[in-house]
Structures are given as C-alpha cells and as structure tokens.
N, C-alpha and C. Protein backbone atom coordinates (compact mmCIF):
# COMPACT_ATOMS: atom_id res chain seq x y z
N UNK A 1 -31.88 84.84 -81.92
CA UNK A 1 -31.50 83.45 -81.81
C UNK A 1 -30.98 82.97 -83.17
N UNK A 2 -29.91 82.21 -83.13
CA UNK A 2 -29.33 81.71 -84.37
C UNK A 2 -30.14 80.54 -84.91
N UNK A 3 -30.09 80.36 -86.20
CA UNK A 3 -30.72 79.22 -86.82
C UNK A 3 -29.69 78.09 -86.83
N UNK A 4 -29.91 77.10 -85.99
CA UNK A 4 -28.96 76.01 -85.79
C UNK A 4 -28.75 75.22 -87.08
N UNK A 5 -29.82 74.92 -87.79
CA UNK A 5 -29.70 74.13 -89.00
C UNK A 5 -28.92 74.88 -90.08
N UNK A 6 -29.18 76.17 -90.23
CA UNK A 6 -28.45 76.96 -91.23
C UNK A 6 -26.96 77.01 -90.88
N UNK A 7 -26.65 77.15 -89.60
CA UNK A 7 -25.24 77.17 -89.19
C UNK A 7 -24.58 75.83 -89.53
N UNK A 8 -25.26 74.73 -89.20
CA UNK A 8 -24.72 73.41 -89.50
C UNK A 8 -24.47 73.26 -91.00
N UNK A 9 -25.47 73.63 -91.81
CA UNK A 9 -25.34 73.49 -93.26
C UNK A 9 -24.21 74.36 -93.81
N UNK A 10 -24.06 75.57 -93.29
CA UNK A 10 -22.99 76.45 -93.74
C UNK A 10 -21.62 75.85 -93.41
N UNK A 11 -21.49 75.29 -92.22
CA UNK A 11 -20.22 74.71 -91.81
C UNK A 11 -19.87 73.43 -92.57
N UNK A 12 -20.85 72.81 -93.19
CA UNK A 12 -20.58 71.59 -93.97
C UNK A 12 -19.68 71.89 -95.16
N UNK A 13 -19.63 73.14 -95.58
CA UNK A 13 -18.79 73.53 -96.71
C UNK A 13 -17.32 73.70 -96.30
N UNK A 14 -17.05 73.74 -95.01
CA UNK A 14 -15.71 73.96 -94.49
C UNK A 14 -15.04 72.63 -94.17
N UNK A 15 -13.70 72.57 -94.27
CA UNK A 15 -13.01 71.38 -93.76
C UNK A 15 -13.29 71.25 -92.26
N UNK A 16 -13.54 70.07 -91.81
CA UNK A 16 -13.83 69.80 -90.39
C UNK A 16 -15.08 70.53 -89.89
N UNK A 17 -16.04 70.77 -90.79
CA UNK A 17 -17.26 71.48 -90.42
C UNK A 17 -18.03 70.83 -89.28
N UNK A 18 -18.11 69.48 -89.29
CA UNK A 18 -18.81 68.78 -88.22
C UNK A 18 -18.12 69.00 -86.87
N UNK A 19 -16.79 68.98 -86.88
CA UNK A 19 -16.04 69.20 -85.64
C UNK A 19 -16.23 70.62 -85.13
N UNK A 20 -16.23 71.58 -86.05
CA UNK A 20 -16.42 72.97 -85.66
C UNK A 20 -17.82 73.17 -85.06
N UNK A 21 -18.83 72.62 -85.74
CA UNK A 21 -20.20 72.73 -85.24
C UNK A 21 -20.34 72.09 -83.86
N UNK A 22 -19.79 70.89 -83.71
CA UNK A 22 -19.86 70.19 -82.43
C UNK A 22 -19.17 70.99 -81.33
N UNK A 23 -18.05 71.62 -81.66
CA UNK A 23 -17.33 72.46 -80.67
C UNK A 23 -18.17 73.66 -80.27
N UNK A 24 -18.88 74.25 -81.23
CA UNK A 24 -19.75 75.39 -80.92
C UNK A 24 -20.87 74.96 -79.97
N UNK A 25 -21.45 73.80 -80.22
CA UNK A 25 -22.49 73.27 -79.33
C UNK A 25 -21.92 73.10 -77.92
N UNK A 26 -20.72 72.54 -77.83
CA UNK A 26 -20.10 72.31 -76.51
C UNK A 26 -19.71 73.62 -75.82
N UNK A 27 -19.39 74.65 -76.58
CA UNK A 27 -19.12 75.96 -75.97
C UNK A 27 -20.38 76.53 -75.34
N UNK A 28 -21.52 76.27 -75.97
CA UNK A 28 -22.79 76.77 -75.46
C UNK A 28 -23.33 75.93 -74.30
N UNK A 29 -23.02 74.66 -74.30
CA UNK A 29 -23.43 73.76 -73.21
C UNK A 29 -22.18 72.97 -72.81
N UNK A 30 -21.36 73.54 -71.93
CA UNK A 30 -20.03 72.97 -71.63
C UNK A 30 -20.04 71.52 -71.14
N UNK A 31 -21.08 71.09 -70.45
CA UNK A 31 -21.10 69.72 -69.93
C UNK A 31 -20.99 68.68 -71.05
N UNK A 32 -21.55 68.99 -72.22
CA UNK A 32 -21.49 68.04 -73.32
C UNK A 32 -20.06 67.75 -73.77
N UNK A 33 -19.14 68.67 -73.52
CA UNK A 33 -17.75 68.42 -73.93
C UNK A 33 -17.15 67.24 -73.17
N UNK A 34 -17.77 66.82 -72.08
CA UNK A 34 -17.24 65.69 -71.30
C UNK A 34 -17.24 64.38 -72.09
N UNK A 35 -18.03 64.31 -73.16
CA UNK A 35 -18.06 63.09 -73.98
C UNK A 35 -17.42 63.29 -75.35
N UNK A 36 -16.89 64.47 -75.62
CA UNK A 36 -16.27 64.79 -76.92
C UNK A 36 -17.14 64.35 -78.09
N UNK A 37 -18.37 64.87 -78.18
CA UNK A 37 -19.29 64.42 -79.24
C UNK A 37 -18.92 64.95 -80.61
N UNK A 38 -19.35 64.24 -81.62
CA UNK A 38 -19.24 64.71 -83.00
C UNK A 38 -20.63 64.59 -83.62
N UNK A 39 -21.22 65.71 -83.97
CA UNK A 39 -22.51 65.71 -84.64
C UNK A 39 -22.22 65.52 -86.12
N UNK A 40 -22.54 64.32 -86.62
CA UNK A 40 -22.16 63.95 -87.99
C UNK A 40 -23.30 64.11 -88.99
N UNK A 41 -24.50 64.34 -88.49
CA UNK A 41 -25.66 64.46 -89.38
C UNK A 41 -26.71 65.29 -88.67
N UNK A 42 -27.26 66.27 -89.37
CA UNK A 42 -28.34 67.09 -88.80
C UNK A 42 -29.24 67.56 -89.92
N UNK A 43 -30.51 67.24 -89.79
CA UNK A 43 -31.55 67.79 -90.66
C UNK A 43 -32.62 68.35 -89.74
N UNK A 44 -33.68 68.86 -90.33
CA UNK A 44 -34.78 69.39 -89.52
C UNK A 44 -35.44 68.29 -88.70
N UNK A 45 -35.30 67.04 -89.14
CA UNK A 45 -36.02 65.94 -88.50
C UNK A 45 -35.15 64.86 -87.86
N UNK A 46 -33.82 64.94 -88.03
CA UNK A 46 -32.97 63.85 -87.54
C UNK A 46 -31.58 64.36 -87.21
N UNK A 47 -30.99 63.73 -86.20
CA UNK A 47 -29.62 64.04 -85.80
C UNK A 47 -28.89 62.75 -85.47
N UNK A 48 -27.59 62.74 -85.75
CA UNK A 48 -26.72 61.63 -85.33
C UNK A 48 -25.55 62.24 -84.56
N UNK A 49 -25.36 61.75 -83.35
CA UNK A 49 -24.25 62.18 -82.49
C UNK A 49 -23.35 60.97 -82.26
N UNK A 50 -22.09 61.12 -82.61
CA UNK A 50 -21.11 60.04 -82.43
C UNK A 50 -20.25 60.31 -81.20
N UNK A 51 -19.95 59.25 -80.47
CA UNK A 51 -19.05 59.34 -79.31
C UNK A 51 -18.07 58.19 -79.42
N UNK A 52 -16.79 58.54 -79.38
CA UNK A 52 -15.75 57.51 -79.45
C UNK A 52 -15.54 56.87 -78.09
N UNK A 53 -15.20 55.61 -78.12
CA UNK A 53 -14.90 54.88 -76.89
C UNK A 53 -13.49 55.29 -76.44
N UNK A 54 -13.46 56.17 -75.46
CA UNK A 54 -12.20 56.65 -74.88
C UNK A 54 -12.24 56.38 -73.38
N UNK A 55 -11.09 56.43 -72.78
CA UNK A 55 -10.98 56.15 -71.35
C UNK A 55 -11.94 57.01 -70.51
N UNK A 56 -12.11 58.28 -70.86
CA UNK A 56 -12.90 59.18 -70.04
C UNK A 56 -14.40 58.88 -70.04
N UNK A 57 -14.88 58.01 -70.93
CA UNK A 57 -16.30 57.66 -70.95
C UNK A 57 -16.55 56.20 -70.58
N UNK A 58 -15.52 55.55 -70.03
CA UNK A 58 -15.65 54.13 -69.69
C UNK A 58 -16.06 53.91 -68.24
N UNK A 59 -16.66 52.76 -67.99
CA UNK A 59 -16.96 52.33 -66.64
C UNK A 59 -15.90 51.31 -66.18
N UNK A 60 -16.14 50.67 -65.06
CA UNK A 60 -15.18 49.72 -64.51
C UNK A 60 -15.03 48.45 -65.36
N UNK A 61 -15.99 48.21 -66.27
CA UNK A 61 -15.93 47.03 -67.14
C UNK A 61 -15.29 47.34 -68.49
N UNK A 62 -14.81 48.59 -68.63
CA UNK A 62 -14.19 49.05 -69.87
C UNK A 62 -15.18 49.13 -71.03
N UNK A 63 -16.47 49.32 -70.69
CA UNK A 63 -17.49 49.59 -71.69
C UNK A 63 -17.96 51.03 -71.49
N UNK A 64 -18.69 51.56 -72.46
CA UNK A 64 -19.16 52.94 -72.34
C UNK A 64 -20.10 53.06 -71.14
N UNK A 65 -19.84 54.06 -70.33
CA UNK A 65 -20.67 54.30 -69.15
C UNK A 65 -22.05 54.79 -69.59
N UNK A 66 -23.09 54.27 -68.97
CA UNK A 66 -24.45 54.61 -69.38
C UNK A 66 -24.74 56.10 -69.21
N UNK A 67 -24.10 56.75 -68.27
CA UNK A 67 -24.34 58.19 -68.11
C UNK A 67 -23.72 58.96 -69.27
N UNK A 68 -22.59 58.53 -69.78
CA UNK A 68 -22.01 59.15 -70.97
C UNK A 68 -22.96 58.96 -72.16
N UNK A 69 -23.55 57.79 -72.25
CA UNK A 69 -24.50 57.51 -73.32
C UNK A 69 -25.76 58.37 -73.15
N UNK A 70 -26.24 58.50 -71.92
CA UNK A 70 -27.40 59.36 -71.66
C UNK A 70 -27.10 60.81 -72.04
N UNK A 71 -25.87 61.23 -71.79
CA UNK A 71 -25.44 62.57 -72.18
C UNK A 71 -25.54 62.74 -73.69
N UNK A 72 -25.11 61.75 -74.45
CA UNK A 72 -25.22 61.80 -75.91
C UNK A 72 -26.68 61.87 -76.35
N UNK A 73 -27.55 61.13 -75.66
CA UNK A 73 -28.98 61.16 -75.98
C UNK A 73 -29.57 62.54 -75.73
N UNK A 74 -29.25 63.13 -74.59
CA UNK A 74 -29.78 64.45 -74.27
C UNK A 74 -29.25 65.50 -75.26
N UNK A 75 -27.99 65.39 -75.62
CA UNK A 75 -27.42 66.30 -76.62
C UNK A 75 -28.17 66.18 -77.94
N UNK A 76 -28.39 64.95 -78.40
CA UNK A 76 -29.07 64.73 -79.67
C UNK A 76 -30.47 65.34 -79.67
N UNK A 77 -31.23 65.04 -78.65
CA UNK A 77 -32.60 65.53 -78.60
C UNK A 77 -32.63 67.05 -78.41
N UNK A 78 -31.75 67.59 -77.60
CA UNK A 78 -31.71 69.03 -77.38
C UNK A 78 -31.38 69.81 -78.64
N UNK A 79 -30.35 69.36 -79.37
CA UNK A 79 -29.99 70.06 -80.61
C UNK A 79 -31.12 69.93 -81.62
N UNK A 80 -31.73 68.75 -81.69
CA UNK A 80 -32.84 68.57 -82.62
C UNK A 80 -34.01 69.49 -82.27
N UNK A 81 -34.32 69.62 -80.99
CA UNK A 81 -35.40 70.54 -80.57
C UNK A 81 -35.04 71.97 -80.98
N UNK A 82 -33.81 72.36 -80.76
CA UNK A 82 -33.38 73.71 -81.10
C UNK A 82 -33.44 73.94 -82.61
N UNK A 83 -33.27 72.88 -83.37
CA UNK A 83 -33.26 72.98 -84.82
C UNK A 83 -34.65 73.20 -85.40
N UNK A 84 -35.63 72.47 -84.90
CA UNK A 84 -36.94 72.49 -85.57
C UNK A 84 -38.08 73.15 -84.83
N UNK A 85 -37.90 73.46 -83.57
CA UNK A 85 -39.00 74.05 -82.79
C UNK A 85 -39.29 75.47 -83.26
N UNK A 86 -40.55 75.82 -83.45
CA UNK A 86 -40.88 77.20 -83.84
C UNK A 86 -40.31 78.21 -82.85
N UNK A 87 -39.93 79.37 -83.36
CA UNK A 87 -39.24 80.40 -82.57
C UNK A 87 -40.05 80.92 -81.38
N UNK A 88 -41.38 80.80 -81.43
CA UNK A 88 -42.18 81.31 -80.32
C UNK A 88 -42.25 80.34 -79.14
N UNK A 89 -41.61 79.17 -79.31
CA UNK A 89 -41.60 78.16 -78.25
C UNK A 89 -40.20 77.98 -77.70
N UNK A 90 -40.14 77.47 -76.47
CA UNK A 90 -38.87 77.11 -75.85
C UNK A 90 -39.03 75.74 -75.21
N UNK A 91 -37.92 75.12 -74.89
CA UNK A 91 -37.95 73.75 -74.37
C UNK A 91 -36.94 73.59 -73.25
N UNK A 92 -37.17 72.58 -72.45
CA UNK A 92 -36.20 72.17 -71.43
C UNK A 92 -36.46 70.68 -71.15
N UNK A 93 -35.39 69.90 -70.96
CA UNK A 93 -35.61 68.49 -70.62
C UNK A 93 -36.27 68.40 -69.24
N UNK A 94 -37.29 67.58 -69.14
CA UNK A 94 -38.03 67.42 -67.89
C UNK A 94 -37.74 66.07 -67.23
N UNK A 95 -37.32 65.12 -68.04
CA UNK A 95 -37.04 63.80 -67.49
C UNK A 95 -36.56 62.86 -68.58
N UNK A 96 -35.99 61.74 -68.15
CA UNK A 96 -35.49 60.75 -69.10
C UNK A 96 -35.69 59.35 -68.52
N UNK A 97 -36.23 58.48 -69.35
CA UNK A 97 -36.27 57.06 -69.04
C UNK A 97 -35.29 56.40 -69.99
N UNK A 98 -34.36 55.63 -69.42
CA UNK A 98 -33.32 55.05 -70.25
C UNK A 98 -33.26 53.55 -70.01
N UNK A 99 -33.18 52.81 -71.09
CA UNK A 99 -33.05 51.36 -71.02
C UNK A 99 -31.68 50.99 -71.58
N UNK A 100 -30.88 50.37 -70.74
CA UNK A 100 -29.56 49.93 -71.13
C UNK A 100 -29.72 48.49 -71.61
N UNK A 101 -29.73 48.29 -72.91
CA UNK A 101 -30.09 47.01 -73.51
C UNK A 101 -28.92 46.04 -73.65
N UNK A 102 -27.75 46.60 -73.84
CA UNK A 102 -26.57 45.77 -74.09
C UNK A 102 -25.33 46.59 -73.76
N UNK A 103 -24.25 45.92 -73.40
CA UNK A 103 -23.00 46.65 -73.16
C UNK A 103 -22.56 47.36 -74.43
N UNK A 104 -22.12 48.59 -74.27
CA UNK A 104 -21.59 49.35 -75.40
C UNK A 104 -20.07 49.18 -75.38
N UNK A 105 -19.59 48.24 -76.17
CA UNK A 105 -18.17 47.89 -76.16
C UNK A 105 -17.37 48.58 -77.27
N UNK A 106 -18.03 49.41 -78.06
CA UNK A 106 -17.38 50.10 -79.18
C UNK A 106 -17.78 51.58 -79.13
N UNK A 107 -17.33 52.32 -80.13
CA UNK A 107 -17.85 53.68 -80.32
C UNK A 107 -19.37 53.56 -80.46
N UNK A 108 -20.07 54.68 -80.23
CA UNK A 108 -21.53 54.65 -80.35
C UNK A 108 -22.02 55.80 -81.23
N UNK A 109 -23.26 55.66 -81.68
CA UNK A 109 -23.94 56.78 -82.31
C UNK A 109 -25.36 56.84 -81.76
N UNK A 110 -25.73 58.05 -81.34
CA UNK A 110 -27.08 58.31 -80.83
C UNK A 110 -27.87 58.96 -81.96
N UNK A 111 -29.05 58.42 -82.21
CA UNK A 111 -29.91 58.92 -83.28
C UNK A 111 -31.24 59.35 -82.68
N UNK A 112 -31.63 60.59 -82.94
CA UNK A 112 -32.94 61.09 -82.51
C UNK A 112 -33.66 61.60 -83.74
N UNK A 113 -34.99 61.40 -83.75
CA UNK A 113 -35.81 61.83 -84.88
C UNK A 113 -37.09 62.46 -84.37
N UNK A 114 -37.52 63.49 -85.06
CA UNK A 114 -38.85 64.06 -84.85
C UNK A 114 -39.47 64.15 -86.24
N UNK A 115 -40.21 63.11 -86.64
CA UNK A 115 -40.71 63.07 -88.01
C UNK A 115 -41.77 64.11 -88.33
N UNK A 116 -42.55 64.52 -87.32
CA UNK A 116 -43.66 65.44 -87.58
C UNK A 116 -43.68 66.52 -86.51
N UNK A 117 -43.17 67.70 -86.86
CA UNK A 117 -43.09 68.80 -85.90
C UNK A 117 -44.47 69.31 -85.49
N UNK A 118 -45.51 69.04 -86.29
CA UNK A 118 -46.85 69.51 -85.92
C UNK A 118 -47.38 68.79 -84.69
N UNK A 119 -46.77 67.66 -84.34
CA UNK A 119 -47.19 66.92 -83.15
C UNK A 119 -46.47 67.40 -81.89
N UNK A 120 -45.49 68.30 -82.03
CA UNK A 120 -44.81 68.87 -80.87
C UNK A 120 -45.64 70.06 -80.41
N UNK A 121 -46.14 69.97 -79.19
CA UNK A 121 -47.06 70.98 -78.67
C UNK A 121 -46.58 71.52 -77.33
N UNK A 122 -47.23 72.56 -76.87
CA UNK A 122 -46.93 73.08 -75.53
C UNK A 122 -47.25 71.98 -74.53
N UNK A 123 -46.34 71.75 -73.60
CA UNK A 123 -46.50 70.70 -72.60
C UNK A 123 -45.46 69.61 -72.77
N UNK A 124 -45.81 68.41 -72.33
CA UNK A 124 -44.90 67.26 -72.39
C UNK A 124 -44.81 66.72 -73.81
N UNK A 125 -43.57 66.50 -74.26
CA UNK A 125 -43.31 65.90 -75.57
C UNK A 125 -42.23 64.85 -75.37
N UNK A 126 -42.53 63.61 -75.74
CA UNK A 126 -41.59 62.52 -75.53
C UNK A 126 -40.85 62.23 -76.84
N UNK A 127 -39.52 62.34 -76.78
CA UNK A 127 -38.68 62.12 -77.95
C UNK A 127 -37.77 60.93 -77.66
N UNK A 128 -37.68 60.03 -78.62
CA UNK A 128 -36.86 58.82 -78.46
C UNK A 128 -35.47 59.05 -79.06
N UNK A 129 -34.47 58.64 -78.33
CA UNK A 129 -33.10 58.58 -78.85
C UNK A 129 -32.66 57.12 -78.77
N UNK A 130 -32.17 56.60 -79.87
CA UNK A 130 -31.67 55.23 -79.92
C UNK A 130 -30.17 55.29 -80.10
N UNK A 131 -29.47 54.38 -79.42
CA UNK A 131 -28.01 54.37 -79.47
C UNK A 131 -27.54 53.01 -79.97
N UNK A 132 -26.63 53.07 -80.94
CA UNK A 132 -26.13 51.86 -81.59
C UNK A 132 -24.62 51.78 -81.47
N UNK A 133 -24.10 50.54 -81.38
CA UNK A 133 -22.66 50.36 -81.43
C UNK A 133 -22.22 50.26 -82.89
N UNK A 134 -20.94 50.09 -83.12
CA UNK A 134 -20.44 50.06 -84.50
C UNK A 134 -20.86 48.80 -85.26
N UNK A 135 -21.37 47.80 -84.55
CA UNK A 135 -21.86 46.58 -85.19
C UNK A 135 -23.35 46.67 -85.53
N UNK A 136 -23.97 47.82 -85.23
CA UNK A 136 -25.39 48.01 -85.52
C UNK A 136 -26.32 47.51 -84.43
N UNK A 137 -25.75 47.08 -83.30
CA UNK A 137 -26.58 46.62 -82.18
C UNK A 137 -27.11 47.81 -81.40
N UNK A 138 -28.42 47.78 -81.09
CA UNK A 138 -28.98 48.83 -80.25
C UNK A 138 -28.56 48.55 -78.81
N UNK A 139 -27.86 49.51 -78.20
CA UNK A 139 -27.36 49.32 -76.85
C UNK A 139 -28.16 50.10 -75.82
N UNK A 140 -28.80 51.18 -76.24
CA UNK A 140 -29.59 52.01 -75.33
C UNK A 140 -30.78 52.59 -76.08
N UNK A 141 -31.89 52.71 -75.38
CA UNK A 141 -33.02 53.49 -75.87
C UNK A 141 -33.41 54.44 -74.75
N UNK A 142 -33.51 55.71 -75.08
CA UNK A 142 -33.88 56.72 -74.09
C UNK A 142 -35.13 57.45 -74.56
N UNK A 143 -36.05 57.62 -73.64
CA UNK A 143 -37.25 58.42 -73.90
C UNK A 143 -37.08 59.70 -73.08
N UNK A 144 -36.95 60.82 -73.77
CA UNK A 144 -36.69 62.08 -73.09
C UNK A 144 -37.94 62.94 -73.16
N UNK A 145 -38.38 63.39 -71.99
CA UNK A 145 -39.55 64.26 -71.90
C UNK A 145 -39.08 65.70 -72.04
N UNK A 146 -39.43 66.32 -73.16
CA UNK A 146 -39.08 67.71 -73.39
C UNK A 146 -40.30 68.57 -73.07
N UNK A 147 -40.15 69.46 -72.10
CA UNK A 147 -41.21 70.35 -71.68
C UNK A 147 -41.16 71.60 -72.56
N UNK A 148 -42.22 71.84 -73.31
CA UNK A 148 -42.29 72.95 -74.25
C UNK A 148 -43.27 74.00 -73.74
N UNK A 149 -42.84 75.26 -73.76
CA UNK A 149 -43.70 76.37 -73.34
C UNK A 149 -43.55 77.51 -74.33
N UNK A 150 -44.51 78.46 -74.25
CA UNK A 150 -44.41 79.68 -75.03
C UNK A 150 -43.33 80.56 -74.42
N UNK A 151 -42.59 81.27 -75.26
CA UNK A 151 -41.61 82.23 -74.74
C UNK A 151 -42.34 83.40 -74.12
N UNK A 152 -41.75 83.97 -73.10
CA UNK A 152 -42.35 85.13 -72.44
C UNK A 152 -42.07 86.38 -73.23
C-alpha cells in the first residue's frame, strides 16, 4: 500500500502537484472525478478539498447541489483516513448525516480533521467534515461514520 501523505508531499515539489495528486485520487476512485476536486492541503490530521462552482455540480437553483457537496465530504474524510490510519486497519464509509445549512452559491472547500488518531478504534468512528463558501460561511456539516476493522 502506498503512503498517501508521502506521495502528496513529494508532489508538492512539482508544478501543479495538487492537481496531479487530486487526479491520482480520482483515478483510484472514479466517482470523485464527477466534482473535479482539488486537494489543496493534506497533513496527517487535516485535509482541504476545493470544488469549483461549475454547471455540472449545480442544482435547479444554480447553487451547488448538496450531493456534490456530500461527495466532497466523503472524499475529504476518505483520503484523511487513508493518510493516518495504521496499516493493520482498514476502513469503509458506513453512513453519513448531512446538514445543509445554507445555499452554496460560490466555490466551496470541505475541511476534515482527525486531531487524535489514538481515538480512532475498530468499529464506528464519526468524522466531521465542514464545508465553507468563499465568504467563509459554513454551508454544510457532515458527520461520516467510518467503519474500521482489522485487515484479514
């Protein structure tokens, strides 16, 4: 298994490193390419995923569709889990509760954090992803249940 964080850090030295890394993520999970994400920040404890307001992610009101935003949240939490989870564990999303707080009328950024990896255990783990518009308004909060098990 590749070390996601090391790959991200290595690509930061290249022109368009964030775009290359984001494309690699989308090659591995093709559905994420539907929102054209850009992973602009990744550490062991935090990720930022940017999504531009384009026609393909809009709803009938010309605002960002909540499912596109949920997709960004799942991407953020999934990449973060892959980055920091010990190698003897594996994860899969088990569920998501999402609160659509305000219309997303601009580009968005989804931010997920796991401040203390020692609290991530086998079983249910709830990770929060917050989504902000370009004005700093929180437009969505998602609680994603990541099911963690030992690898076989």
